[in-house]
Amino acid sequence: HSGATTLIIHTDKLPEIAALSLAELGIARGYLVVGAAARQDANSARCAKELGPFAELLNTPPEKLPAPTFGPRQLATIMYTSGTTSRPKGVVQSQESLWQCARIQTATMQFTADDVHLVTTSASHCAASFGLMFPNIHAGGVSVLMDAPTSAEVAAAIAIHRVTRCQM
């Protein structure tokens, strides 16, 4: 158990957690990011009913959200890499390492609250998360996430969202 109490998951990923009980995992709050209509088996449908809509989280005033209860050395993420050996391994990152990375990237890349970042690579990839999303959140900017977009979808997203930076 990671110690996480909140889960945000996309409908495409429901089958991966459908057999699990969120309560047994210690998940107190869960939010579902709805994508294209996907066929769901019975377990996925049951799991989806346990989750609130992602918009509910986005619309919750900050003072109504529980205060964070983690320390600087507490696990924040495990990034998987094959590195130079081609053997998969997990690299543990603490809350402090995420904070420092975001702070350094924000300063180095001069991210601002006016930036709109288009992230077209997997959010679980280091380049997307550590390179764009975390520092962008730190700076107060907006991130637009796309899942395997076509070139036409990228062009449309740049125009619609007035993208200032892009990771591809």
Protein backbone atom coordinates (compact mmCIF):
# COMPACT_ATOMS: atom_id res chain seq x y z
CA HIS A 1 0.00 0.00 0.00
CA SER A 2 1.47 3.34 -1.06
CA GLY A 3 -0.28 5.45 1.55
CA ALA A 4 -2.23 7.37 -1.10
CA THR A 5 -5.76 8.31 -0.07
CA THR A 6 -6.95 9.82 -3.37
CA LEU A 7 -7.10 8.15 -6.77
CA ILE A 8 -7.60 9.91 -10.10
CA ILE A 9 -8.07 7.45 -12.94
CA HIS A 10 -9.12 7.55 -16.59
CA THR A 11 -11.92 5.28 -17.82
CA ASP A 12 -9.42 3.49 -20.09
CA LYS A 13 -7.53 2.28 -16.99
CA LEU A 14 -10.53 0.96 -15.04
CA PRO A 15 -9.97 -2.68 -16.06
CA GLU A 16 -6.53 -2.54 -14.41
CA ILE A 17 -7.99 -1.78 -10.97
CA ALA A 18 -11.49 -3.23 -11.35
CA ALA A 19 -10.82 -6.37 -9.30
CA LEU A 20 -9.51 -4.29 -6.38
CA SER A 21 -11.49 -2.78 -3.55
CA LEU A 22 -10.62 0.89 -3.21
CA ALA A 23 -11.46 0.80 0.50
CA GLU A 24 -9.04 -2.10 1.05
CA LEU A 25 -6.34 -0.03 -0.64
CA GLY A 26 -7.00 2.86 1.74
CA ILE A 27 -8.44 5.08 -1.00
CA ALA A 28 -10.85 7.49 0.67
CA ARG A 29 -11.64 9.58 -2.42
CA GLY A 30 -11.61 8.60 -6.06
CA TYR A 31 -12.27 10.55 -9.22
CA LEU A 32 -12.96 9.31 -12.72
CA VAL A 33 -11.69 11.17 -15.76
CA VAL A 34 -14.10 10.23 -18.51
CA GLY A 35 -12.75 9.51 -21.96
CA ALA A 36 -14.34 8.07 -25.04
CA ALA A 37 -17.08 5.58 -24.28
CA ALA A 38 -15.42 2.26 -23.63
CA ARG A 39 -16.92 -1.14 -23.07
CA GLN A 40 -16.83 -2.03 -19.42
CA ASP A 41 -17.03 -5.42 -17.80
CA ALA A 42 -19.02 -5.83 -14.59
CA ASN A 43 -16.00 -5.18 -12.33
CA SER A 44 -15.09 -1.99 -14.18
CA ALA A 45 -18.68 -0.75 -13.99
CA ARG A 46 -18.76 -1.48 -10.22
CA CYS A 47 -15.46 0.32 -9.74
CA ALA A 48 -16.65 3.33 -11.75
CA LYS A 49 -19.64 3.68 -9.38
CA GLU A 50 -17.20 4.11 -6.45
CA LEU A 51 -15.56 7.09 -8.13
CA GLY A 52 -16.82 10.65 -8.35
CA PRO A 53 -16.53 12.75 -11.51
CA PHE A 54 -13.17 14.51 -11.92
CA ALA A 55 -15.04 17.83 -12.30
CA GLU A 56 -16.12 17.41 -8.67
CA LEU A 57 -12.48 17.57 -7.57
CA LEU A 58 -11.73 20.50 -9.86
CA ASN A 59 -14.72 22.45 -8.54
CA THR A 60 -13.97 21.83 -4.85
CA PRO A 61 -12.78 25.00 -3.09
CA PRO A 62 -9.24 24.49 -1.70
CA GLU A 63 -10.39 25.07 1.88
CA LYS A 64 -12.75 22.06 1.56
CA LEU A 65 -9.94 19.68 0.56
CA PRO A 66 -8.08 17.80 3.29
CA ALA A 67 -4.71 19.25 4.24
CA PRO A 68 -1.72 17.23 3.03
CA THR A 69 -0.24 14.95 5.65
CA PHE A 70 3.06 13.97 4.06
CA GLY A 71 6.63 14.85 4.88
CA PRO A 72 9.47 15.88 2.55
CA ARG A 73 11.06 12.41 2.52
CA GLN A 74 7.82 10.54 1.96
CA LEU A 75 7.39 8.59 -1.27
CA ALA A 76 5.75 10.65 -4.00
CA THR A 77 6.21 8.48 -7.08
CA ILE A 78 8.05 5.53 -8.52
CA MET A 79 9.22 6.21 -12.07
CA TYR A 80 10.02 3.08 -14.06
CA THR A 81 12.98 3.03 -16.39
CA SER A 82 15.06 0.53 -18.29
CA GLY A 83 18.05 2.83 -18.12
CA THR A 84 21.20 1.68 -19.87
CA THR A 85 20.76 -1.99 -18.93
CA SER A 86 17.35 -2.51 -20.58
CA ARG A 87 16.21 -4.15 -17.32
CA PRO A 88 13.15 -2.44 -15.83
CA LYS A 89 13.62 -0.84 -12.44
CA GLY A 90 11.76 1.62 -10.28
CA VAL A 91 13.34 4.91 -9.26
CA VAL A 92 11.82 6.21 -6.02
CA GLN A 93 11.18 9.94 -5.82
CA SER A 94 10.34 11.74 -2.57
CA GLN A 95 8.06 14.75 -2.12
CA GLU A 96 11.19 16.88 -1.65
CA SER A 97 12.81 15.64 -4.87
CA LEU A 98 9.64 16.50 -6.81
CA TRP A 99 9.55 19.94 -5.22
CA GLN A 100 13.22 20.63 -5.99
CA CYS A 101 12.89 19.36 -9.55
CA ALA A 102 9.83 21.55 -10.15
CA ARG A 103 11.55 24.58 -8.60
CA ILE A 104 14.74 24.13 -10.65
CA GLN A 105 12.91 23.39 -13.94
CA THR A 106 10.59 26.37 -13.42
CA ALA A 107 13.54 28.72 -12.93
CA THR A 108 15.72 27.19 -15.65
CA MET A 109 13.02 27.04 -18.31
CA GLN A 110 11.42 30.31 -17.12
CA PHE A 111 7.93 28.82 -16.80
CA THR A 112 5.22 31.28 -15.77
CA ALA A 113 1.55 31.20 -14.82
CA ASP A 114 0.82 32.41 -18.37
CA ASP A 115 2.21 29.21 -19.94
CA VAL A 116 -0.06 26.63 -21.52
CA HIS A 117 1.78 23.34 -21.98
CA LEU A 118 0.70 20.66 -24.42
CA VAL A 119 1.82 17.23 -23.19
CA THR A 120 1.47 14.54 -25.85
CA THR A 121 3.70 11.92 -24.24
CA SER A 122 2.59 9.65 -21.42
CA ALA A 123 2.19 11.54 -18.14
CA SER A 124 4.01 8.64 -16.47
CA HIS A 125 7.10 9.38 -18.58
CA CYS A 126 9.76 11.44 -16.84
CA ALA A 127 9.98 14.00 -19.67
CA ALA A 128 6.27 14.76 -19.39
CA SER A 129 5.97 14.78 -15.60
CA PHE A 130 9.29 16.14 -14.36
CA GLY A 131 10.03 18.14 -17.51
CA LEU A 132 6.66 19.84 -18.02
CA MET A 133 3.73 18.99 -15.78
CA PHE A 134 5.26 19.35 -12.30
CA PRO A 135 7.16 22.58 -13.03
CA ASN A 136 4.16 23.96 -14.88
CA ILE A 137 1.89 23.27 -11.90
CA HIS A 138 4.54 24.86 -9.67
CA ALA A 139 4.49 28.00 -11.85
CA GLY A 140 0.67 28.08 -11.89
CA GLY A 141 0.36 27.35 -15.63
CA VAL A 142 -2.11 25.15 -17.51
CA SER A 143 -1.33 21.67 -18.84
CA VAL A 144 -3.28 20.13 -21.71
CA LEU A 145 -2.81 16.35 -21.80
CA MET A 146 -3.43 14.32 -24.93
CA ASP A 147 -3.27 10.57 -25.41
CA ALA A 148 -1.45 9.56 -28.62
CA PRO A 149 -2.80 12.44 -30.72
CA THR A 150 -2.56 12.70 -34.47
CA SER A 151 -0.74 15.68 -36.00
CA ALA A 152 -4.12 17.23 -36.85
CA GLU A 153 -5.26 16.86 -33.21
CA VAL A 154 -2.02 18.47 -32.00
CA ALA A 155 -2.47 21.39 -34.40
CA ALA A 156 -6.09 21.83 -33.27
CA ALA A 157 -5.13 21.69 -29.57
CA ILE A 158 -2.41 24.32 -30.10
CA ALA A 159 -4.95 26.66 -31.71
CA ILE A 160 -7.83 25.98 -29.29
CA HIS A 161 -5.80 26.17 -26.05
CA ARG A 162 -3.31 28.82 -27.24
CA VAL A 163 -0.42 26.53 -26.35
CA THR A 164 2.89 28.25 -25.53
CA ARG A 165 5.02 25.11 -24.97
CA CYS A 166 4.81 21.57 -26.29
CA GLN A 167 6.39 18.23 -25.35
CA MET A 168 6.22 15.56 -28.04
